[in-house]
Protein backbone atom coordinates (compact mmCIF):
# COMPACT_ATOMS: atom_id res chain seq x y z
CA UNK A 1 0.54 13.13 61.69
CA UNK A 2 -0.85 13.93 58.12
CA UNK A 3 -0.76 11.45 55.39
CA UNK A 4 -0.48 12.96 52.19
CA UNK A 5 -0.77 11.12 48.81
CA UNK A 6 2.37 11.04 46.83
CA UNK A 7 2.54 13.27 43.56
CA UNK A 8 2.06 11.73 40.14
CA UNK A 9 4.38 12.81 37.61
CA UNK A 10 2.98 14.58 34.91
CA UNK A 11 6.05 13.68 32.25
CA UNK A 12 4.54 12.35 29.25
CA UNK A 13 5.42 8.25 28.66
CA UNK A 14 5.55 6.74 25.08
CA UNK A 15 3.53 3.67 25.60
CA UNK A 16 5.10 0.94 23.80
CA UNK A 17 2.23 0.47 21.10
CA UNK A 18 3.07 4.26 19.99
CA UNK A 19 6.44 2.71 19.45
CA UNK A 20 4.90 -0.18 17.69
CA UNK A 21 2.98 2.22 15.39
CA UNK A 22 5.76 4.44 14.68
CA UNK A 23 8.15 1.61 13.54
CA UNK A 24 5.57 0.27 11.33
CA UNK A 25 4.93 3.67 9.60
CA UNK A 26 8.42 3.80 9.07
CA UNK A 27 8.43 0.10 7.70
CA UNK A 28 5.24 1.09 5.44
CA UNK A 29 7.66 4.30 3.74
CA UNK A 30 10.06 2.31 2.09
CA UNK A 31 8.13 0.15 -0.10
CA UNK A 32 10.04 -0.84 -3.15
CA UNK A 33 9.91 1.63 -6.28
CA UNK A 34 8.40 -0.43 -9.38
CA UNK A 35 10.79 0.52 -12.46
CA UNK A 36 9.19 1.98 -15.54
CA UNK A 37 8.02 0.03 -18.31
CA UNK A 38 8.34 0.25 -22.22
CA UNK A 39 4.52 1.49 -22.04
CA UNK A 40 5.02 3.59 -19.00
CA UNK A 41 8.44 5.05 -19.14
CA UNK A 42 7.69 8.36 -17.07
CA UNK A 43 5.77 10.19 -14.54
CA UNK A 44 3.74 11.94 -17.46
CA UNK A 45 2.83 9.22 -19.48
CA UNK A 46 1.20 7.44 -16.09
CA UNK A 47 -0.48 10.21 -15.34
CA UNK A 48 -1.86 10.52 -18.55
CA UNK A 49 -3.13 7.23 -18.62
CA UNK A 50 -4.77 7.04 -15.37
CA UNK A 51 -6.62 10.06 -16.82
CA UNK A 52 -9.04 12.50 -14.53
CA UNK A 53 -7.12 15.39 -15.56
CA UNK A 54 -3.96 14.29 -13.43
CA UNK A 55 -1.61 14.93 -16.61
CA UNK A 56 -2.30 18.77 -15.74
CA UNK A 57 0.09 17.98 -12.42
CA UNK A 58 2.73 16.45 -14.10
CA UNK A 59 5.33 19.36 -13.51
CA UNK A 60 4.46 18.82 -9.52
CA UNK A 61 6.12 15.46 -9.49
CA UNK A 62 10.08 16.06 -10.17
CA UNK A 63 10.59 12.30 -10.51
CA UNK A 64 9.67 8.73 -11.01
CA UNK A 65 10.89 8.03 -7.61
CA UNK A 66 8.93 10.81 -5.90
CA UNK A 67 5.92 9.57 -7.73
CA UNK A 68 5.92 6.66 -5.77
CA UNK A 69 7.29 7.96 -2.39
CA UNK A 70 5.23 10.91 -1.82
CA UNK A 71 2.66 10.94 0.95
CA UNK A 72 -0.81 12.37 0.69
CA UNK A 73 -0.19 15.22 2.76
CA UNK A 74 2.48 15.70 0.52
CA UNK A 75 0.50 15.74 -2.39
CA UNK A 76 -1.23 18.22 -1.22
CA UNK A 77 1.11 20.27 -0.06
CA UNK A 78 2.16 20.70 -3.51
CA UNK A 79 -1.38 21.36 -4.65
CA UNK A 80 -2.65 18.20 -6.07
CA UNK A 81 -6.39 19.18 -5.04
CA UNK A 82 -9.18 17.77 -4.81
CA UNK A 83 -8.94 14.83 -1.76
CA UNK A 84 -10.29 12.45 -4.48
CA UNK A 85 -8.04 13.11 -6.98
CA UNK A 86 -4.49 12.31 -4.27
CA UNK A 87 -7.15 9.14 -3.31
CA UNK A 88 -7.33 7.87 -6.74
CA UNK A 89 -3.44 8.27 -7.51
CA UNK A 90 -2.42 6.63 -4.38
CA UNK A 91 -4.70 3.79 -5.77
CA UNK A 92 -3.57 3.59 -9.43
CA UNK A 93 0.42 4.03 -7.36
CA UNK A 94 -0.70 0.72 -5.63
CA UNK A 95 -1.92 -0.98 -8.54
CA UNK A 96 0.87 -0.45 -11.03
CA UNK A 97 3.64 -1.20 -7.88
CA UNK A 98 1.73 -4.71 -7.79
CA UNK A 99 2.04 -5.35 -11.09
CA UNK A 100 -1.65 -4.83 -12.07
CA UNK A 101 -1.62 -2.46 -15.47
CA UNK A 102 -4.19 -1.18 -17.84
CA UNK A 103 -4.31 -2.38 -21.44
CA UNK A 104 -1.51 -2.63 -23.09
CA UNK A 105 0.83 -2.29 -19.93
CA UNK A 106 2.11 -5.40 -20.30
CA UNK A 107 3.75 -4.68 -23.44
CA UNK A 108 7.46 -4.63 -24.43
CA UNK A 109 7.81 -3.67 -27.41
CA UNK A 110 6.94 0.08 -27.90
CA UNK A 111 7.77 2.75 -29.77
CA UNK A 112 6.92 6.57 -29.30
CA UNK A 113 3.81 5.00 -27.22
CA UNK A 114 2.36 2.56 -29.54
CA UNK A 115 2.32 -1.06 -29.18
CA UNK A 116 1.72 -3.20 -32.11
CA UNK A 117 0.37 -6.98 -31.76
CA UNK A 118 0.00 -9.62 -34.54
CA UNK A 119 -1.89 -12.71 -34.64
CA UNK A 120 -0.62 -16.02 -34.29
CA UNK A 121 -1.37 -19.69 -33.96
CA UNK A 122 0.23 -21.14 -30.62
CA UNK A 123 -0.36 -24.40 -28.87
CA UNK A 124 -3.31 -24.42 -26.57
CA UNK A 125 -2.08 -25.41 -22.78
CA UNK A 126 -1.74 -28.74 -21.85
CA UNK A 127 -4.02 -27.72 -18.61
CA UNK A 128 -6.63 -26.62 -21.33
CA UNK A 129 -6.80 -29.76 -22.71
CA UNK A 130 -7.33 -31.66 -20.02
CA UNK A 131 -10.44 -29.76 -18.97
CA UNK A 132 -11.42 -29.79 -22.45
CA UNK A 133 -10.09 -32.38 -24.72
CA UNK A 134 -12.40 -30.99 -27.60
CA UNK A 135 -9.43 -28.34 -28.28
CA UNK A 136 -7.30 -31.09 -29.90
CA UNK A 137 -9.62 -31.25 -32.67
CA UNK A 138 -8.87 -28.54 -35.51
CA UNK A 139 -11.75 -26.66 -37.42
CA UNK A 140 -12.37 -24.47 -40.06
CA UNK A 141 -10.43 -21.74 -38.55
CA UNK A 142 -7.94 -23.22 -36.17
CA UNK A 143 -5.49 -25.86 -36.55
CA UNK A 144 -5.70 -29.09 -34.26
CA UNK A 145 -4.19 -28.31 -30.50
CA UNK A 146 -3.79 -24.81 -31.41
CA UNK A 147 -5.33 -21.50 -30.45
CA UNK A 148 -5.24 -18.11 -32.28
CA UNK A 149 -4.05 -15.19 -30.04
CA UNK A 150 -2.18 -11.44 -30.05
CA UNK A 151 1.50 -11.46 -29.50
CA UNK A 152 3.17 -7.97 -29.21
CA UNK A 153 5.88 -7.64 -31.97
CA UNK A 154 8.07 -4.62 -33.12
CA UNK A 155 6.27 -1.56 -34.74
CA UNK A 156 6.18 -2.44 -38.35
CA UNK A 157 7.90 -5.82 -37.94
CA UNK A 158 6.18 -9.26 -38.82
CA UNK A 159 7.83 -11.59 -35.98
CA UNK A 160 8.09 -11.11 -32.47
CA UNK A 161 11.30 -11.08 -30.44
CA UNK A 162 12.44 -14.24 -29.26
CA UNK A 163 10.87 -17.99 -29.89
CA UNK A 164 7.23 -17.39 -30.67
CA UNK A 165 6.68 -20.47 -28.14
CA UNK A 166 8.13 -18.58 -25.35
CA UNK A 167 5.85 -15.05 -26.26
CA UNK A 168 2.99 -14.03 -23.71
CA UNK A 169 -0.52 -13.30 -25.52
CA UNK A 170 -1.50 -9.76 -24.84
CA UNK A 171 -3.57 -9.54 -22.12
CA UNK A 172 -6.89 -7.71 -22.20
CA UNK A 173 -7.03 -8.21 -26.02
CA UNK A 174 -8.56 -11.55 -28.09
CA UNK A 175 -9.35 -12.93 -31.46
CA UNK A 176 -12.88 -12.52 -32.58
CA UNK A 177 -13.99 -15.14 -35.34
CA UNK A 178 -10.39 -15.75 -35.55
CA UNK A 179 -9.58 -13.28 -37.78
CA UNK A 180 -9.40 -10.24 -35.99
CA UNK A 181 -8.00 -8.60 -32.85
CA UNK A 182 -10.19 -6.99 -30.78
CA UNK A 183 -10.28 -5.35 -27.46
CA UNK A 184 -10.67 -2.01 -25.66
CA UNK A 185 -8.84 0.88 -27.26
CA UNK A 186 -7.65 -1.32 -29.83
CA UNK A 187 -7.62 -0.08 -33.71
CA UNK A 188 -6.32 -2.22 -36.39
CA UNK A 189 -3.29 -1.52 -39.07
CA UNK A 190 -4.50 -1.05 -42.23
CA UNK A 191 -3.73 -3.07 -45.31
CA UNK A 192 -3.54 -6.59 -42.62
CA UNK A 193 -7.22 -7.57 -43.04
CA UNK A 194 -7.32 -7.58 -39.04
CA UNK A 195 -3.94 -9.72 -38.44
CA UNK A 196 -2.40 -6.68 -36.78
CA UNK A 197 -3.57 -4.23 -34.44
CA UNK A 198 -2.09 -1.39 -32.10
CA UNK A 199 -2.66 0.22 -28.71
CA UNK A 200 -1.65 3.81 -28.18
CA UNK A 201 -0.70 5.95 -24.99
CA UNK A 202 -3.76 8.51 -24.67
CA UNK A 203 -4.99 10.53 -21.79
CA UNK A 204 -7.65 8.57 -20.20
CA UNK A 205 -6.47 4.85 -21.44
CA UNK A 206 -6.80 3.44 -17.94
CA UNK A 207 -9.26 5.42 -16.10
CA UNK A 208 -11.72 4.47 -13.56
CA UNK A 209 -14.54 6.41 -14.91
CA UNK A 210 -16.86 8.43 -11.93
CA UNK A 211 -20.40 7.16 -11.88
CA UNK A 212 -22.73 10.16 -12.13
CA UNK A 213 -25.76 10.97 -9.88
CA UNK A 214 -29.21 9.69 -10.65
CA UNK A 215 -32.17 11.80 -8.48
CA UNK A 216 -29.25 12.98 -5.70
CA UNK A 217 -27.48 9.53 -5.39
CA UNK A 218 -28.46 6.53 -3.84
CA UNK A 219 -28.82 8.14 -0.27
CA UNK A 220 -31.36 10.56 -1.54
CA UNK A 221 -32.62 9.19 -4.68
CA UNK A 222 -36.12 7.98 -2.05
CA UNK A 223 -36.44 11.76 -0.89
CA UNK A 224 -35.88 13.26 -4.32
CA UNK A 225 -38.07 10.97 -6.56
CA UNK A 226 -40.78 11.15 -3.36
CA UNK A 227 -40.66 15.24 -3.81
CA UNK A 228 -40.93 15.03 -7.74
CA UNK A 229 -44.10 12.06 -6.90
CA UNK A 230 -45.61 14.94 -5.04
CA UNK A 231 -44.95 17.86 -7.06
CA UNK A 232 -46.27 15.69 -10.00
CA UNK A 233 -49.66 15.20 -7.97
CA UNK A 234 -49.82 18.92 -6.97
CA UNK A 235 -49.66 19.73 -10.70
CA UNK A 236 -51.90 17.47 -11.98
CA UNK A 237 -54.92 18.53 -9.06
CA UNK A 238 -54.68 22.46 -10.29
């Protein structure tokens, strides 16, 4: 009697780990879509702010919802190239989803892409006073227990919307020498003596600048410089 080995089924099976990966992928693809903000009201403005010439692709992204749901493959199929541009867009998209904006992104009073701010004296937070009691004392440029900050106000007006004690200082800017609002891409309003300043939406306002390679970059720097020294020695001997 001849014993034969049982024939193994060649029918592919789906492992539990594969099923878990698929479920996880489906869950990740339904991430929340953040609402537009007064400073970033649409796709065109978002692409303009993050720079790297991504605003040239504004016609390829049909809506705000598409901006935050299209995958990298779908962005590639739409013609957004090269790959580093897609990665940069996805990175900024995630930052915006988490509420991490660039300069001016937290401003709520915006008119035609221009946000205005004015200098005010507001009470120093209590936790600051506990760690630094000297802040309770007044100076020549500051009242006792007060500090000077920049607060967003409607364009052309002198008072913020709502109570002053509830207004939040604008992130990314500060008051220099207690008389001038300063910060990246901030420009003064003429005739206000530095008490008012503005930030305007423009190309590359939030752009993360790419570095440039020096002598071939980190990986090839030693090799390139060695060849340069050898070439200099060769010229010196001749």
